[in-house]
Amino acid sequence: MGPAAPSHARRSRVTVSPKVILAAVIVIAAVWFIIVNRARVDIYLWVPKVTAPLWLVLLITFAGGLLAGLLLRRRRRDGTAPR
């Protein structure tokens, strides 16, 4: 006969990196933010008036700032970012 099986099943440990935990916290915070900021707001763009949910307006503003920051980021000649 074959070798006897151990009396308890072997448990494998799953490790979760801090980056995954931080990402999960950010996603949960973003979902909560969207849920509590569903009110519609008026945005005046010089002449036209646009109505949109507050969370969408803030998301677009954040994305615009992120894009501007990425476009204006300076790099060294060797390709590394400055300190």
N, C-alpha and C. Protein backbone atom coordinates (compact mmCIF):
# COMPACT_ATOMS: atom_id res chain seq x y z
N MET A 1 0.83 -1.17 0.00
CA MET A 1 0.00 0.00 0.00
C MET A 1 0.88 1.24 0.00
N GLY A 2 0.29 2.36 -0.33
CA GLY A 2 1.03 3.62 -0.42
C GLY A 2 1.24 4.25 0.94
N PRO A 3 1.95 5.38 0.98
CA PRO A 3 2.19 6.06 2.24
C PRO A 3 0.89 6.60 2.82
N ALA A 4 0.85 6.63 4.12
CA ALA A 4 -0.36 7.10 4.81
C ALA A 4 -0.51 8.60 4.63
N ALA A 5 -1.73 9.06 4.45
CA ALA A 5 -2.00 10.48 4.30
C ALA A 5 -1.90 11.17 5.65
N PRO A 6 -1.42 12.41 5.68
CA PRO A 6 -1.35 13.12 6.96
C PRO A 6 -2.75 13.32 7.53
N SER A 7 -2.82 13.42 8.85
CA SER A 7 -4.12 13.51 9.51
C SER A 7 -4.81 14.85 9.27
N HIS A 8 -4.07 15.87 8.91
CA HIS A 8 -4.70 17.16 8.61
C HIS A 8 -4.27 17.62 7.23
N ALA A 9 -5.14 18.32 6.57
CA ALA A 9 -4.84 18.79 5.22
C ALA A 9 -3.81 19.92 5.30
N ARG A 10 -2.95 19.96 4.34
CA ARG A 10 -1.93 21.01 4.31
C ARG A 10 -2.56 22.30 3.82
N ARG A 11 -2.38 23.36 4.60
CA ARG A 11 -2.96 24.66 4.23
C ARG A 11 -1.89 25.51 3.57
N SER A 12 -2.26 26.11 2.47
CA SER A 12 -1.32 27.03 1.83
C SER A 12 -1.68 28.45 2.24
N ARG A 13 -0.67 29.22 2.54
CA ARG A 13 -0.89 30.61 2.96
C ARG A 13 -0.93 31.50 1.74
N VAL A 14 -1.93 32.31 1.67
CA VAL A 14 -2.05 33.28 0.60
C VAL A 14 -1.59 34.61 1.16
N THR A 15 -0.58 35.19 0.54
CA THR A 15 -0.09 36.49 1.00
C THR A 15 -0.64 37.57 0.09
N VAL A 16 -1.06 38.64 0.71
CA VAL A 16 -1.61 39.77 -0.03
C VAL A 16 -0.64 40.93 0.14
N SER A 17 -0.20 41.48 -0.98
CA SER A 17 0.79 42.55 -0.92
C SER A 17 0.13 43.85 -0.44
N PRO A 18 0.91 44.75 0.12
CA PRO A 18 0.37 46.05 0.54
C PRO A 18 -0.24 46.84 -0.62
N LYS A 19 0.30 46.66 -1.82
CA LYS A 19 -0.26 47.36 -2.99
C LYS A 19 -1.69 46.90 -3.27
N VAL A 20 -1.95 45.62 -3.12
CA VAL A 20 -3.30 45.09 -3.35
C VAL A 20 -4.26 45.62 -2.29
N ILE A 21 -3.79 45.66 -1.05
CA ILE A 21 -4.62 46.19 0.03
C ILE A 21 -4.93 47.66 -0.21
N LEU A 22 -3.91 48.44 -0.58
CA LEU A 22 -4.12 49.87 -0.86
C LEU A 22 -5.08 50.05 -2.03
N ALA A 23 -4.93 49.25 -3.07
CA ALA A 23 -5.84 49.35 -4.22
C ALA A 23 -7.27 49.04 -3.80
N ALA A 24 -7.46 48.04 -2.96
CA ALA A 24 -8.80 47.68 -2.49
C ALA A 24 -9.41 48.81 -1.67
N VAL A 25 -8.61 49.43 -0.81
CA VAL A 25 -9.09 50.55 0.00
C VAL A 25 -9.50 51.72 -0.91
N ILE A 26 -8.70 52.00 -1.93
CA ILE A 26 -9.00 53.09 -2.86
C ILE A 26 -10.29 52.80 -3.63
N VAL A 27 -10.46 51.58 -4.08
CA VAL A 27 -11.69 51.21 -4.81
C VAL A 27 -12.91 51.34 -3.92
N ILE A 28 -12.81 50.87 -2.68
CA ILE A 28 -13.93 50.98 -1.74
C ILE A 28 -14.25 52.44 -1.47
N ALA A 29 -13.23 53.27 -1.27
CA ALA A 29 -13.45 54.70 -1.04
C ALA A 29 -14.08 55.37 -2.26
N ALA A 30 -13.64 54.98 -3.46
CA ALA A 30 -14.20 55.56 -4.68
C ALA A 30 -15.67 55.20 -4.84
N VAL A 31 -16.01 53.94 -4.57
CA VAL A 31 -17.42 53.52 -4.68
C VAL A 31 -18.26 54.28 -3.66
N TRP A 32 -17.76 54.39 -2.43
CA TRP A 32 -18.50 55.14 -1.40
C TRP A 32 -18.67 56.59 -1.83
N PHE A 33 -17.61 57.20 -2.38
CA PHE A 33 -17.66 58.59 -2.84
C PHE A 33 -18.73 58.78 -3.92
N ILE A 34 -18.80 57.84 -4.85
CA ILE A 34 -19.80 57.92 -5.92
C ILE A 34 -21.21 57.80 -5.35
N ILE A 35 -21.40 56.89 -4.39
CA ILE A 35 -22.73 56.68 -3.82
C ILE A 35 -23.23 57.93 -3.09
N VAL A 36 -22.35 58.60 -2.34
CA VAL A 36 -22.81 59.76 -1.56
C VAL A 36 -22.82 61.06 -2.35
N ASN A 37 -22.24 61.09 -3.56
CA ASN A 37 -22.21 62.31 -4.37
C ASN A 37 -22.96 62.13 -5.68
N ARG A 38 -24.20 61.66 -5.57
CA ARG A 38 -25.00 61.45 -6.77
C ARG A 38 -25.83 62.66 -7.17
N ALA A 39 -25.79 63.71 -6.38
CA ALA A 39 -26.59 64.90 -6.70
C ALA A 39 -26.13 65.51 -8.02
N ARG A 40 -27.06 66.05 -8.75
CA ARG A 40 -26.73 66.69 -10.03
C ARG A 40 -26.39 68.15 -9.77
N VAL A 41 -25.38 68.63 -10.47
CA VAL A 41 -24.95 70.01 -10.32
C VAL A 41 -24.93 70.68 -11.68
N ASP A 42 -25.09 72.00 -11.67
CA ASP A 42 -25.02 72.78 -12.90
C ASP A 42 -23.60 73.31 -13.07
N ILE A 43 -23.07 73.15 -14.28
CA ILE A 43 -21.75 73.66 -14.61
C ILE A 43 -21.93 74.66 -15.75
N TYR A 44 -21.42 75.86 -15.55
CA TYR A 44 -21.53 76.90 -16.56
C TYR A 44 -20.23 76.99 -17.33
N LEU A 45 -20.27 76.66 -18.61
CA LEU A 45 -19.10 76.71 -19.49
C LEU A 45 -19.23 77.93 -20.39
N TRP A 46 -18.97 79.09 -19.84
CA TRP A 46 -19.14 80.38 -20.49
C TRP A 46 -20.57 80.56 -20.99
N VAL A 47 -20.93 79.95 -22.10
CA VAL A 47 -22.27 80.13 -22.62
C VAL A 47 -23.18 78.95 -22.29
N PRO A 48 -22.78 77.72 -22.62
CA PRO A 48 -23.71 76.60 -22.32
C PRO A 48 -23.70 76.22 -20.85
N LYS A 49 -24.83 75.69 -20.41
CA LYS A 49 -24.96 75.18 -19.05
C LYS A 49 -25.14 73.67 -19.14
N VAL A 50 -24.32 72.93 -18.39
CA VAL A 50 -24.35 71.48 -18.41
C VAL A 50 -24.75 70.98 -17.02
N THR A 51 -25.58 69.96 -16.97
CA THR A 51 -25.95 69.34 -15.71
C THR A 51 -25.38 67.93 -15.69
N ALA A 52 -24.67 67.60 -14.59
CA ALA A 52 -24.05 66.28 -14.46
C ALA A 52 -23.94 65.92 -12.99
N PRO A 53 -23.78 64.64 -12.69
CA PRO A 53 -23.58 64.24 -11.29
C PRO A 53 -22.27 64.81 -10.76
N LEU A 54 -22.26 65.19 -9.50
CA LEU A 54 -21.08 65.79 -8.88
C LEU A 54 -19.87 64.87 -8.98
N TRP A 55 -20.05 63.55 -8.76
CA TRP A 55 -18.91 62.64 -8.82
C TRP A 55 -18.27 62.62 -10.19
N LEU A 56 -19.07 62.76 -11.26
CA LEU A 56 -18.54 62.77 -12.61
C LEU A 56 -17.75 64.05 -12.88
N VAL A 57 -18.26 65.16 -12.39
CA VAL A 57 -17.55 66.43 -12.55
C VAL A 57 -16.20 66.38 -11.85
N LEU A 58 -16.17 65.84 -10.64
CA LEU A 58 -14.91 65.74 -9.90
C LEU A 58 -13.97 64.74 -10.54
N LEU A 59 -14.49 63.65 -11.09
CA LEU A 59 -13.65 62.67 -11.77
C LEU A 59 -13.00 63.27 -13.01
N ILE A 60 -13.77 64.03 -13.79
CA ILE A 60 -13.23 64.68 -14.98
C ILE A 60 -12.17 65.72 -14.60
N THR A 61 -12.42 66.46 -13.53
CA THR A 61 -11.45 67.45 -13.05
C THR A 61 -10.16 66.75 -12.62
N PHE A 62 -10.28 65.66 -11.88
CA PHE A 62 -9.10 64.90 -11.45
C PHE A 62 -8.33 64.36 -12.65
N ALA A 63 -9.04 63.79 -13.63
CA ALA A 63 -8.38 63.24 -14.80
C ALA A 63 -7.66 64.34 -15.59
N GLY A 64 -8.27 65.52 -15.69
CA GLY A 64 -7.61 66.64 -16.37
C GLY A 64 -6.35 67.08 -15.65
N GLY A 65 -6.39 67.14 -14.33
CA GLY A 65 -5.20 67.50 -13.56
C GLY A 65 -4.11 66.45 -13.67
N LEU A 66 -4.51 65.17 -13.65
CA LEU A 66 -3.54 64.08 -13.81
C LEU A 66 -2.88 64.14 -15.18
N LEU A 67 -3.67 64.36 -16.21
CA LEU A 67 -3.13 64.46 -17.56
C LEU A 67 -2.17 65.65 -17.69
N ALA A 68 -2.56 66.80 -17.14
CA ALA A 68 -1.69 67.97 -17.19
C ALA A 68 -0.38 67.69 -16.44
N GLY A 69 -0.45 67.04 -15.30
CA GLY A 69 0.76 66.70 -14.55
C GLY A 69 1.66 65.76 -15.31
N LEU A 70 1.08 64.77 -15.98
CA LEU A 70 1.88 63.84 -16.77
C LEU A 70 2.53 64.53 -17.97
N LEU A 71 1.80 65.43 -18.59
CA LEU A 71 2.35 66.13 -19.76
C LEU A 71 3.45 67.12 -19.37
N LEU A 72 3.35 67.70 -18.19
CA LEU A 72 4.31 68.70 -17.77
C LEU A 72 5.47 68.13 -16.95
N ARG A 73 5.43 66.86 -16.66
CA ARG A 73 6.49 66.22 -15.87
C ARG A 73 7.80 66.28 -16.64
N ARG A 74 8.84 66.67 -15.94
CA ARG A 74 10.15 66.78 -16.58
C ARG A 74 10.93 65.50 -16.35
N ARG A 75 11.75 65.16 -17.33
CA ARG A 75 12.62 63.99 -17.23
C ARG A 75 14.07 64.42 -17.44
N ARG A 76 14.97 63.66 -16.81
CA ARG A 76 16.39 63.92 -17.02
C ARG A 76 16.81 63.34 -18.37
N ARG A 77 18.00 63.68 -18.79
CA ARG A 77 18.47 63.18 -20.07
C ARG A 77 18.66 61.67 -20.07
N ASP A 78 18.98 61.10 -18.92
CA ASP A 78 19.17 59.65 -18.85
C ASP A 78 17.85 58.89 -18.72
N GLY A 79 16.73 59.60 -18.71
CA GLY A 79 15.43 58.97 -18.68
C GLY A 79 14.83 58.78 -17.31
N THR A 80 15.55 59.16 -16.26
CA THR A 80 15.00 59.04 -14.91
C THR A 80 14.30 60.31 -14.50
N ALA A 81 13.33 60.17 -13.64
CA ALA A 81 12.60 61.34 -13.15
C ALA A 81 13.44 62.08 -12.13
N PRO A 82 13.34 63.42 -12.07
CA PRO A 82 14.08 64.17 -11.06
C PRO A 82 13.52 63.91 -9.66
N ARG A 83 14.34 64.17 -8.65
CA ARG A 83 13.89 63.97 -7.26
C ARG A 83 13.05 65.08 -6.78
